[in-house]
N, C-alpha and C. Protein backbone atom coordinates (compact mmCIF):
# COMPACT_ATOMS: atom_id res chain seq x y z
N ALA A 1 -8.50 6.81 1.06
CA ALA A 1 -7.31 6.48 0.29
C ALA A 1 -6.31 7.63 0.40
N ILE A 2 -5.06 7.26 0.30
CA ILE A 2 -3.97 8.24 0.35
C ILE A 2 -3.24 8.16 -0.98
N LEU A 3 -3.13 9.30 -1.67
CA LEU A 3 -2.40 9.36 -2.94
C LEU A 3 -1.04 9.99 -2.71
N SER A 4 -0.02 9.41 -3.33
CA SER A 4 1.33 9.97 -3.23
C SER A 4 1.45 11.19 -4.13
N GLU A 5 2.54 11.89 -3.94
CA GLU A 5 2.93 12.92 -4.89
C GLU A 5 3.24 12.22 -6.22
N TRP A 6 3.40 13.01 -7.28
CA TRP A 6 3.78 12.42 -8.56
C TRP A 6 5.20 11.87 -8.45
N LEU A 7 5.42 10.69 -8.99
CA LEU A 7 6.69 9.99 -8.91
C LEU A 7 7.29 9.77 -10.29
N ASP A 8 8.56 9.44 -10.31
CA ASP A 8 9.23 8.95 -11.51
C ASP A 8 10.12 7.81 -11.04
N HIS A 9 9.50 6.68 -10.74
CA HIS A 9 10.14 5.58 -10.04
C HIS A 9 10.44 4.42 -10.97
N ASP A 10 11.67 3.95 -10.94
CA ASP A 10 12.08 2.75 -11.68
C ASP A 10 11.70 1.53 -10.84
N PRO A 11 10.76 0.71 -11.28
CA PRO A 11 10.29 -0.41 -10.46
C PRO A 11 11.32 -1.51 -10.25
N THR A 12 12.41 -1.51 -11.01
CA THR A 12 13.44 -2.53 -10.79
C THR A 12 14.33 -2.18 -9.60
N ALA A 13 14.33 -0.93 -9.19
CA ALA A 13 15.20 -0.50 -8.09
C ALA A 13 14.57 -0.72 -6.72
N LEU A 14 13.32 -0.40 -6.58
CA LEU A 14 12.61 -0.53 -5.30
C LEU A 14 11.38 -1.40 -5.51
N LYS A 15 11.33 -2.52 -4.82
CA LYS A 15 10.30 -3.52 -5.10
C LYS A 15 9.40 -3.85 -3.91
N THR A 16 9.69 -3.26 -2.76
CA THR A 16 8.91 -3.55 -1.55
C THR A 16 8.47 -2.23 -0.94
N ILE A 17 7.25 -2.20 -0.43
CA ILE A 17 6.81 -1.04 0.35
C ILE A 17 6.59 -1.52 1.78
N GLU A 18 7.11 -0.74 2.71
CA GLU A 18 6.95 -1.03 4.14
C GLU A 18 6.12 0.09 4.75
N ILE A 19 5.04 -0.29 5.42
CA ILE A 19 4.12 0.68 6.02
C ILE A 19 3.94 0.31 7.49
N THR A 20 4.22 1.28 8.36
CA THR A 20 4.03 1.10 9.81
C THR A 20 2.79 1.88 10.20
N LEU A 21 1.79 1.16 10.76
CA LEU A 21 0.54 1.84 11.07
C LEU A 21 -0.20 1.20 12.24
N THR A 22 -1.16 1.97 12.76
CA THR A 22 -2.11 1.49 13.76
C THR A 22 -3.51 1.80 13.26
N VAL A 23 -4.46 0.97 13.68
CA VAL A 23 -5.87 1.16 13.34
C VAL A 23 -6.66 1.10 14.64
N THR A 24 -7.45 2.15 14.93
CA THR A 24 -8.30 2.16 16.12
C THR A 24 -9.70 2.64 15.75
N PRO A 25 -10.72 1.98 16.27
CA PRO A 25 -10.65 0.68 16.92
C PRO A 25 -10.13 -0.38 15.94
N ALA A 26 -9.88 -1.57 16.45
CA ALA A 26 -9.30 -2.64 15.63
C ALA A 26 -10.11 -2.85 14.35
N PRO A 27 -9.41 -3.15 13.25
CA PRO A 27 -10.13 -3.39 12.00
C PRO A 27 -11.02 -4.62 12.08
N ALA A 28 -12.05 -4.62 11.29
CA ALA A 28 -12.94 -5.79 11.23
C ALA A 28 -12.19 -6.98 10.68
N PRO A 29 -12.54 -8.19 11.09
CA PRO A 29 -11.91 -9.38 10.51
C PRO A 29 -12.04 -9.35 8.98
N GLY A 30 -10.97 -9.69 8.31
CA GLY A 30 -10.96 -9.71 6.85
C GLY A 30 -10.55 -8.40 6.20
N ALA A 31 -10.27 -7.36 7.01
CA ALA A 31 -9.84 -6.08 6.44
C ALA A 31 -8.41 -6.19 5.94
N ASP A 32 -8.11 -5.51 4.84
CA ASP A 32 -6.79 -5.57 4.22
C ASP A 32 -6.19 -4.18 4.06
N LEU A 33 -4.88 -4.15 3.96
CA LEU A 33 -4.12 -2.98 3.54
C LEU A 33 -3.83 -3.20 2.05
N LEU A 34 -4.20 -2.21 1.22
CA LEU A 34 -4.00 -2.33 -0.23
C LEU A 34 -3.11 -1.22 -0.73
N VAL A 35 -2.25 -1.54 -1.69
CA VAL A 35 -1.40 -0.56 -2.35
C VAL A 35 -1.60 -0.72 -3.86
N PHE A 36 -2.06 0.35 -4.49
CA PHE A 36 -2.26 0.41 -5.94
C PHE A 36 -1.18 1.30 -6.54
N TRP A 37 -0.96 1.19 -7.84
CA TRP A 37 -0.02 2.09 -8.49
C TRP A 37 -0.47 2.44 -9.89
N GLU A 38 0.04 3.58 -10.33
CA GLU A 38 -0.18 4.10 -11.68
C GLU A 38 1.15 4.07 -12.39
N THR A 39 1.15 3.69 -13.66
CA THR A 39 2.38 3.69 -14.45
C THR A 39 2.27 4.73 -15.55
N GLU A 40 3.34 4.84 -16.32
CA GLU A 40 3.33 5.79 -17.43
C GLU A 40 2.30 5.42 -18.50
N ARG A 41 1.83 4.17 -18.49
CA ARG A 41 0.87 3.71 -19.50
C ARG A 41 -0.51 3.37 -18.95
N ALA A 42 -0.66 3.23 -17.66
CA ALA A 42 -1.96 2.81 -17.11
C ALA A 42 -2.27 3.56 -15.82
N PRO A 43 -3.51 4.06 -15.69
CA PRO A 43 -3.91 4.73 -14.45
C PRO A 43 -4.07 3.71 -13.32
N ILE A 44 -4.26 4.20 -12.12
CA ILE A 44 -4.55 3.32 -10.98
C ILE A 44 -5.79 2.51 -11.33
N ASN A 45 -5.69 1.18 -11.14
CA ASN A 45 -6.81 0.32 -11.50
C ASN A 45 -6.76 -0.97 -10.67
N SER A 46 -7.81 -1.76 -10.80
CA SER A 46 -7.95 -2.96 -9.97
C SER A 46 -7.07 -4.13 -10.41
N ARG A 47 -6.25 -3.94 -11.44
CA ARG A 47 -5.33 -5.01 -11.85
C ARG A 47 -3.90 -4.76 -11.41
N ALA A 48 -3.64 -3.59 -10.84
CA ALA A 48 -2.28 -3.24 -10.41
C ALA A 48 -2.30 -2.88 -8.93
N TYR A 49 -2.34 -3.91 -8.09
CA TYR A 49 -2.31 -3.69 -6.65
C TYR A 49 -1.84 -4.95 -5.94
N VAL A 50 -1.40 -4.75 -4.69
CA VAL A 50 -1.09 -5.86 -3.79
C VAL A 50 -1.82 -5.59 -2.47
N GLN A 51 -2.01 -6.65 -1.70
CA GLN A 51 -2.72 -6.49 -0.43
C GLN A 51 -2.14 -7.44 0.60
N VAL A 52 -2.39 -7.08 1.86
CA VAL A 52 -1.99 -7.91 2.99
C VAL A 52 -3.07 -7.77 4.07
N PRO A 53 -3.39 -8.86 4.76
CA PRO A 53 -4.40 -8.77 5.82
C PRO A 53 -3.90 -7.90 6.98
N LEU A 54 -4.79 -7.10 7.54
CA LEU A 54 -4.47 -6.31 8.73
C LEU A 54 -4.63 -7.17 9.98
N LYS A 55 -3.76 -6.93 10.95
CA LYS A 55 -3.89 -7.59 12.25
C LYS A 55 -5.15 -7.04 12.93
N ASN A 56 -5.87 -7.91 13.60
CA ASN A 56 -7.13 -7.53 14.21
C ASN A 56 -6.92 -7.04 15.65
N ASP A 57 -6.12 -5.97 15.80
CA ASP A 57 -5.90 -5.35 17.11
C ASP A 57 -5.54 -3.89 16.91
N THR A 58 -5.25 -3.19 18.00
CA THR A 58 -4.92 -1.76 17.91
C THR A 58 -3.43 -1.47 18.10
N ASP A 59 -2.60 -2.51 18.08
CA ASP A 59 -1.15 -2.33 18.21
C ASP A 59 -0.57 -1.79 16.90
N GLU A 60 0.61 -1.18 17.01
CA GLU A 60 1.32 -0.74 15.81
C GLU A 60 1.96 -1.96 15.15
N HIS A 61 1.82 -2.05 13.82
CA HIS A 61 2.40 -3.16 13.07
C HIS A 61 3.14 -2.63 11.86
N VAL A 62 4.16 -3.37 11.45
CA VAL A 62 4.91 -3.08 10.24
C VAL A 62 4.47 -4.09 9.19
N TYR A 63 3.96 -3.59 8.08
CA TYR A 63 3.51 -4.44 6.98
C TYR A 63 4.45 -4.25 5.81
N ARG A 64 4.92 -5.35 5.22
CA ARG A 64 5.76 -5.31 4.03
C ARG A 64 4.99 -5.95 2.88
N LEU A 65 4.87 -5.23 1.80
CA LEU A 65 4.17 -5.72 0.62
C LEU A 65 5.16 -5.83 -0.53
N ASP A 66 5.20 -6.99 -1.15
CA ASP A 66 6.14 -7.28 -2.24
C ASP A 66 5.55 -6.83 -3.56
N LEU A 67 5.83 -5.60 -3.92
CA LEU A 67 5.34 -5.04 -5.18
C LEU A 67 6.00 -5.73 -6.38
N GLY A 68 7.28 -6.05 -6.23
CA GLY A 68 8.05 -6.64 -7.33
C GLY A 68 7.55 -8.00 -7.77
N ALA A 69 6.80 -8.69 -6.93
CA ALA A 69 6.27 -10.01 -7.29
C ALA A 69 5.06 -9.90 -8.22
N HIS A 70 4.48 -8.72 -8.33
CA HIS A 70 3.29 -8.52 -9.18
C HIS A 70 3.72 -8.31 -10.63
N ALA A 71 3.04 -8.96 -11.54
CA ALA A 71 3.39 -8.88 -12.97
C ALA A 71 3.28 -7.47 -13.53
N ARG A 72 2.47 -6.62 -12.94
CA ARG A 72 2.29 -5.26 -13.46
C ARG A 72 3.24 -4.23 -12.83
N TRP A 73 4.11 -4.64 -11.93
CA TRP A 73 5.12 -3.75 -11.36
C TRP A 73 6.32 -3.74 -12.30
N ARG A 74 6.13 -3.18 -13.51
CA ARG A 74 7.16 -3.27 -14.53
C ARG A 74 7.50 -1.95 -15.21
N ARG A 75 6.57 -1.05 -15.33
CA ARG A 75 6.82 0.21 -16.03
C ARG A 75 7.05 1.33 -15.02
N ARG A 76 7.54 2.47 -15.50
CA ARG A 76 7.79 3.60 -14.62
C ARG A 76 6.55 3.89 -13.78
N VAL A 77 6.74 3.94 -12.48
CA VAL A 77 5.63 4.17 -11.56
C VAL A 77 5.48 5.68 -11.37
N ARG A 78 4.26 6.15 -11.58
CA ARG A 78 3.97 7.59 -11.49
C ARG A 78 3.29 7.99 -10.20
N ARG A 79 2.55 7.05 -9.58
CA ARG A 79 1.82 7.41 -8.37
C ARG A 79 1.43 6.14 -7.62
N LEU A 80 1.39 6.25 -6.28
CA LEU A 80 0.90 5.17 -5.43
C LEU A 80 -0.39 5.61 -4.77
N ARG A 81 -1.25 4.64 -4.52
CA ARG A 81 -2.46 4.89 -3.72
C ARG A 81 -2.48 3.84 -2.61
N ILE A 82 -2.59 4.31 -1.38
CA ILE A 82 -2.64 3.43 -0.21
C ILE A 82 -4.07 3.44 0.31
N ASP A 83 -4.67 2.26 0.41
CA ASP A 83 -5.97 2.08 1.06
C ASP A 83 -5.69 1.34 2.36
N PRO A 84 -5.54 2.06 3.48
CA PRO A 84 -5.07 1.43 4.71
C PRO A 84 -6.06 0.53 5.41
N CYS A 85 -7.36 0.71 5.20
CA CYS A 85 -8.34 -0.13 5.90
C CYS A 85 -9.71 0.12 5.28
N GLN A 86 -10.47 -0.96 5.04
CA GLN A 86 -11.80 -0.80 4.48
C GLN A 86 -12.89 -0.76 5.55
N SER A 87 -12.52 -0.93 6.81
CA SER A 87 -13.50 -0.89 7.90
C SER A 87 -13.90 0.55 8.18
N ALA A 88 -15.19 0.83 8.19
CA ALA A 88 -15.68 2.18 8.44
C ALA A 88 -15.46 2.58 9.90
N GLY A 89 -15.34 3.90 10.13
CA GLY A 89 -15.26 4.42 11.49
C GLY A 89 -13.93 4.17 12.19
N ARG A 90 -12.86 3.96 11.42
CA ARG A 90 -11.55 3.71 12.02
C ARG A 90 -10.63 4.92 11.85
N THR A 91 -9.75 5.10 12.81
CA THR A 91 -8.70 6.10 12.71
C THR A 91 -7.42 5.37 12.34
N ILE A 92 -6.77 5.83 11.30
CA ILE A 92 -5.54 5.22 10.82
C ILE A 92 -4.39 6.17 11.15
N ARG A 93 -3.37 5.64 11.81
CA ARG A 93 -2.16 6.42 12.09
C ARG A 93 -1.00 5.75 11.37
N ILE A 94 -0.48 6.41 10.35
CA ILE A 94 0.68 5.88 9.62
C ILE A 94 1.91 6.59 10.16
N ARG A 95 2.79 5.82 10.75
CA ARG A 95 4.02 6.39 11.29
C ARG A 95 5.11 6.50 10.23
N ARG A 96 5.14 5.50 9.32
CA ARG A 96 6.19 5.54 8.30
C ARG A 96 5.76 4.72 7.09
N MET A 97 6.15 5.23 5.90
CA MET A 97 6.03 4.49 4.66
C MET A 97 7.34 4.66 3.93
N ARG A 98 7.86 3.55 3.41
CA ARG A 98 9.09 3.67 2.63
C ARG A 98 9.18 2.57 1.60
N LEU A 99 9.81 2.88 0.49
CA LEU A 99 10.09 1.91 -0.56
C LEU A 99 11.47 1.33 -0.32
N LEU A 100 11.58 0.02 -0.50
CA LEU A 100 12.83 -0.70 -0.23
C LEU A 100 13.22 -1.53 -1.46
N PRO A 101 14.52 -1.85 -1.57
CA PRO A 101 14.96 -2.72 -2.69
C PRO A 101 14.33 -4.10 -2.63
């Protein structure tokens, strides 16, 4: 897992996270990219996250996750946690991560 620096983020301003990454060797079928968050009132937990399936190859892909669609993306965000792949023995290369409106 990758933890962000401490944040003071207004969730109404930036609602999407875009992550550009490669996984080698290719992730196992069913592997996901997960993004969790901590707010001013709740630590990182299994009720505040979004996920997207990883492509099953070694090419670079851009993944966009709609944080704003989640009911818990509402309070000041203090920290993000990125779980890029649950498949063991993989090398993850993240070229870029950014928050978007």
